[in-house]
Amino acid sequence: MSKVDKKIVSKVSIKPLMGYVLVDPSGADTKTASGIYLPESAQEKPAQGIVLSVGEEMVFDNGKTLKSPVRAGDKVVYKKWGGDEIKVDGKELKLVKFDDLMAILEN
């Protein structure tokens, strides 16, 4: 995790509830591979970002538990339309269910 990531993670004032992680989405691409700039309405929503905070393990009705597959600082890929957007101090973040996480990106 870089110094910038640690700074963002340490400032988070939201603790997700069980079964959720708080993600800072990566910015959308503003330019195509061929160099054409995209208007905001045509930009695709990012489906990856940095985990800022992790909720408690999920407990099912049958008593089984599901621990978070990620930890704060991990760069993750989540389902394109997964998660709920929230605004904290003017910054858009996402609350994503454990089930909507698809991969951890390694550098």
C-alpha atoms as a PDB file:
ATOM      1  CA  MET A   1       0.000   0.000   0.000  1.00  0.00           C
ATOM      2  CA  SER A   2       1.460   3.380  -0.972  1.00  0.00           C
ATOM      3  CA  LYS A   3       1.730   6.384   1.364  1.00  0.00           C
ATOM      4  CA  VAL A   4      -1.248   8.037  -0.350  1.00  0.00           C
ATOM      5  CA  ASP A   5      -3.397   4.949   0.199  1.00  0.00           C
ATOM      6  CA  LYS A   6      -2.500   4.820   3.917  1.00  0.00           C
ATOM      7  CA  LYS A   7      -3.464   8.486   4.244  1.00  0.00           C
ATOM      8  CA  ILE A   8      -6.906   7.871   2.676  1.00  0.00           C
ATOM      9  CA  VAL A   9      -7.507   4.711   4.718  1.00  0.00           C
ATOM     10  CA  SER A  10      -6.588   6.397   8.009  1.00  0.00           C
ATOM     11  CA  LYS A  11      -9.075   9.272   7.422  1.00  0.00           C
ATOM     12  CA  VAL A  12     -12.146   7.064   6.950  1.00  0.00           C
ATOM     13  CA  SER A  13     -14.832   7.798   9.527  1.00  0.00           C
ATOM     14  CA  ILE A  14     -17.259   5.107   8.340  1.00  0.00           C
ATOM     15  CA  LYS A  15     -17.197   1.513   9.524  1.00  0.00           C
ATOM     16  CA  PRO A  16     -19.274  -0.775   7.268  1.00  0.00           C
ATOM     17  CA  LEU A  17     -21.649  -3.233   8.914  1.00  0.00           C
ATOM     18  CA  MET A  18     -21.228  -6.981   8.600  1.00  0.00           C
ATOM     19  CA  GLY A  19     -20.858  -8.296   5.084  1.00  0.00           C
ATOM     20  CA  TYR A  20     -19.805  -4.971   3.525  1.00  0.00           C
ATOM     21  CA  VAL A  21     -16.596  -3.171   2.564  1.00  0.00           C
ATOM     22  CA  LEU A  22     -16.139   0.549   1.878  1.00  0.00           C
ATOM     23  CA  VAL A  23     -14.382   1.154  -1.464  1.00  0.00           C
ATOM     24  CA  ASP A  24     -12.881   4.285  -3.008  1.00  0.00           C
ATOM     25  CA  PRO A  25     -13.638   3.733  -6.734  1.00  0.00           C
ATOM     26  CA  SER A  26     -10.939   4.457  -9.313  1.00  0.00           C
ATOM     27  CA  GLY A  27     -11.662   7.340 -11.637  1.00  0.00           C
ATOM     28  CA  ALA A  28     -13.442   6.639 -14.921  1.00  0.00           C
ATOM     29  CA  ASP A  29     -11.441   6.709 -18.150  1.00  0.00           C
ATOM     30  CA  THR A  30     -11.786  10.110 -19.767  1.00  0.00           C
ATOM     31  CA  LYS A  31      -9.957   9.176 -22.974  1.00  0.00           C
ATOM     32  CA  THR A  32     -10.154   6.183 -25.314  1.00  0.00           C
ATOM     33  CA  ALA A  33      -7.096   4.167 -26.378  1.00  0.00           C
ATOM     34  CA  SER A  34      -7.101   6.093 -29.676  1.00  0.00           C
ATOM     35  CA  GLY A  35      -6.991   9.461 -27.868  1.00  0.00           C
ATOM     36  CA  ILE A  36     -10.623  10.577 -28.121  1.00  0.00           C
ATOM     37  CA  TYR A  37     -11.857  12.397 -25.013  1.00  0.00           C
ATOM     38  CA  LEU A  38     -15.163  11.098 -23.645  1.00  0.00           C
ATOM     39  CA  PRO A  39     -17.891  13.327 -22.220  1.00  0.00           C
ATOM     40  CA  GLU A  40     -18.893  12.496 -18.652  1.00  0.00           C
ATOM     41  CA  SER A  41     -22.174  10.941 -19.829  1.00  0.00           C
ATOM     42  CA  ALA A  42     -20.278   8.420 -21.994  1.00  0.00           C
ATOM     43  CA  GLN A  43     -17.689   7.427 -19.393  1.00  0.00           C
ATOM     44  CA  GLU A  44     -18.026   3.923 -18.064  1.00  0.00           C
ATOM     45  CA  LYS A  45     -18.430   3.515 -14.316  1.00  0.00           C
ATOM     46  CA  PRO A  46     -15.288   2.081 -12.723  1.00  0.00           C
ATOM     47  CA  ALA A  47     -15.535  -1.429 -11.348  1.00  0.00           C
ATOM     48  CA  GLN A  48     -12.396  -1.318  -9.249  1.00  0.00           C
ATOM     49  CA  GLY A  49     -11.027   0.643  -6.354  1.00  0.00           C
ATOM     50  CA  ILE A  50      -9.194   0.639  -3.017  1.00  0.00           C
ATOM     51  CA  VAL A  51     -10.766  -0.911   0.085  1.00  0.00           C
ATOM     52  CA  LEU A  52     -10.907   1.747   2.804  1.00  0.00           C
ATOM     53  CA  SER A  53     -12.684  -0.154   5.574  1.00  0.00           C
ATOM     54  CA  VAL A  54     -14.054  -3.665   6.171  1.00  0.00           C
ATOM     55  CA  GLY A  55     -17.134  -4.727   8.119  1.00  0.00           C
ATOM     56  CA  GLU A  56     -17.490  -7.676  10.473  1.00  0.00           C
ATOM     57  CA  GLU A  57     -17.785 -11.213   9.136  1.00  0.00           C
ATOM     58  CA  MET A  58     -21.200 -12.134   7.734  1.00  0.00           C
ATOM     59  CA  VAL A  59     -23.278 -14.505   9.902  1.00  0.00           C
ATOM     60  CA  PHE A  60     -25.933 -16.613   8.164  1.00  0.00           C
ATOM     61  CA  ASP A  61     -29.179 -17.969   9.639  1.00  0.00           C
ATOM     62  CA  ASN A  62     -27.635 -21.445   9.938  1.00  0.00           C
ATOM     63  CA  GLY A  63     -24.810 -20.069  12.110  1.00  0.00           C
ATOM     64  CA  LYS A  64     -22.075 -20.288   9.469  1.00  0.00           C
ATOM     65  CA  THR A  65     -19.869 -17.247   8.961  1.00  0.00           C
ATOM     66  CA  LEU A  66     -18.195 -15.653   5.946  1.00  0.00           C
ATOM     67  CA  LYS A  67     -15.051 -13.645   6.653  1.00  0.00           C
ATOM     68  CA  SER A  68     -14.091 -10.735   4.455  1.00  0.00           C
ATOM     69  CA  PRO A  69     -11.933 -11.858   1.524  1.00  0.00           C
ATOM     70  CA  VAL A  70     -10.143  -8.476   1.537  1.00  0.00           C
ATOM     71  CA  ARG A  71      -8.588  -6.012   3.969  1.00  0.00           C
ATOM     72  CA  ALA A  72      -8.133  -2.246   4.018  1.00  0.00           C
ATOM     73  CA  GLY A  73      -5.680  -1.102   1.350  1.00  0.00           C
ATOM     74  CA  ASP A  74      -6.412  -3.937  -1.124  1.00  0.00           C
ATOM     75  CA  LYS A  75      -7.163  -2.932  -4.710  1.00  0.00           C
ATOM     76  CA  VAL A  76     -10.280  -4.856  -5.751  1.00  0.00           C
ATOM     77  CA  VAL A  77     -12.540  -5.516  -8.723  1.00  0.00           C
ATOM     78  CA  TYR A  78     -16.249  -5.649  -7.968  1.00  0.00           C
ATOM     79  CA  LYS A  79     -19.375  -6.311 -10.017  1.00  0.00           C
ATOM     80  CA  LYS A  80     -20.056  -3.458 -12.417  1.00  0.00           C
ATOM     81  CA  TRP A  81     -23.395  -2.522 -10.875  1.00  0.00           C
ATOM     82  CA  GLY A  82     -22.567  -3.832  -7.405  1.00  0.00           C
ATOM     83  CA  GLY A  83     -22.544  -1.688  -4.307  1.00  0.00           C
ATOM     84  CA  ASP A  84     -24.313   1.461  -3.221  1.00  0.00           C
ATOM     85  CA  GLU A  85     -22.843   4.911  -3.765  1.00  0.00           C
ATOM     86  CA  ILE A  86     -22.535   7.237  -0.785  1.00  0.00           C
ATOM     87  CA  LYS A  87     -20.975  10.686  -0.389  1.00  0.00           C
ATOM     88  CA  VAL A  88     -18.613  11.384   2.494  1.00  0.00           C
ATOM     89  CA  ASP A  89     -17.069  14.846   2.818  1.00  0.00           C
ATOM     90  CA  GLY A  90     -17.853  15.495  -0.864  1.00  0.00           C
ATOM     91  CA  LYS A  91     -16.145  12.276  -2.042  1.00  0.00           C
ATOM     92  CA  GLU A  92     -18.109   9.488  -3.730  1.00  0.00           C
ATOM     93  CA  LEU A  93     -17.485   6.072  -2.162  1.00  0.00           C
ATOM     94  CA  LYS A  94     -19.152   2.666  -2.528  1.00  0.00           C
ATOM     95  CA  LEU A  95     -20.445   0.199   0.032  1.00  0.00           C
ATOM     96  CA  VAL A  96     -19.957  -3.212  -1.594  1.00  0.00           C
ATOM     97  CA  LYS A  97     -21.164  -6.604  -0.322  1.00  0.00           C
ATOM     98  CA  PHE A  98     -18.599  -9.374   0.123  1.00  0.00           C
ATOM     99  CA  ASP A  99     -20.542 -11.295  -2.568  1.00  0.00           C
ATOM    100  CA  ASP A 100     -20.058  -8.498  -5.117  1.00  0.00           C
ATOM    101  CA  LEU A 101     -16.250  -8.597  -4.849  1.00  0.00           C
ATOM    102  CA  MET A 102     -14.690 -10.534  -7.721  1.00  0.00           C
ATOM    103  CA  ALA A 103     -10.877 -10.167  -7.473  1.00  0.00           C
ATOM    104  CA  ILE A 104      -7.931  -8.596  -5.692  1.00  0.00           C
ATOM    105  CA  LEU A 105      -5.515  -6.796  -8.023  1.00  0.00           C
ATOM    106  CA  GLU A 106      -1.870  -7.412  -7.193  1.00  0.00           C
ATOM    107  CA  ASN A 107       0.874  -5.018  -8.277  1.00  0.00           C
END
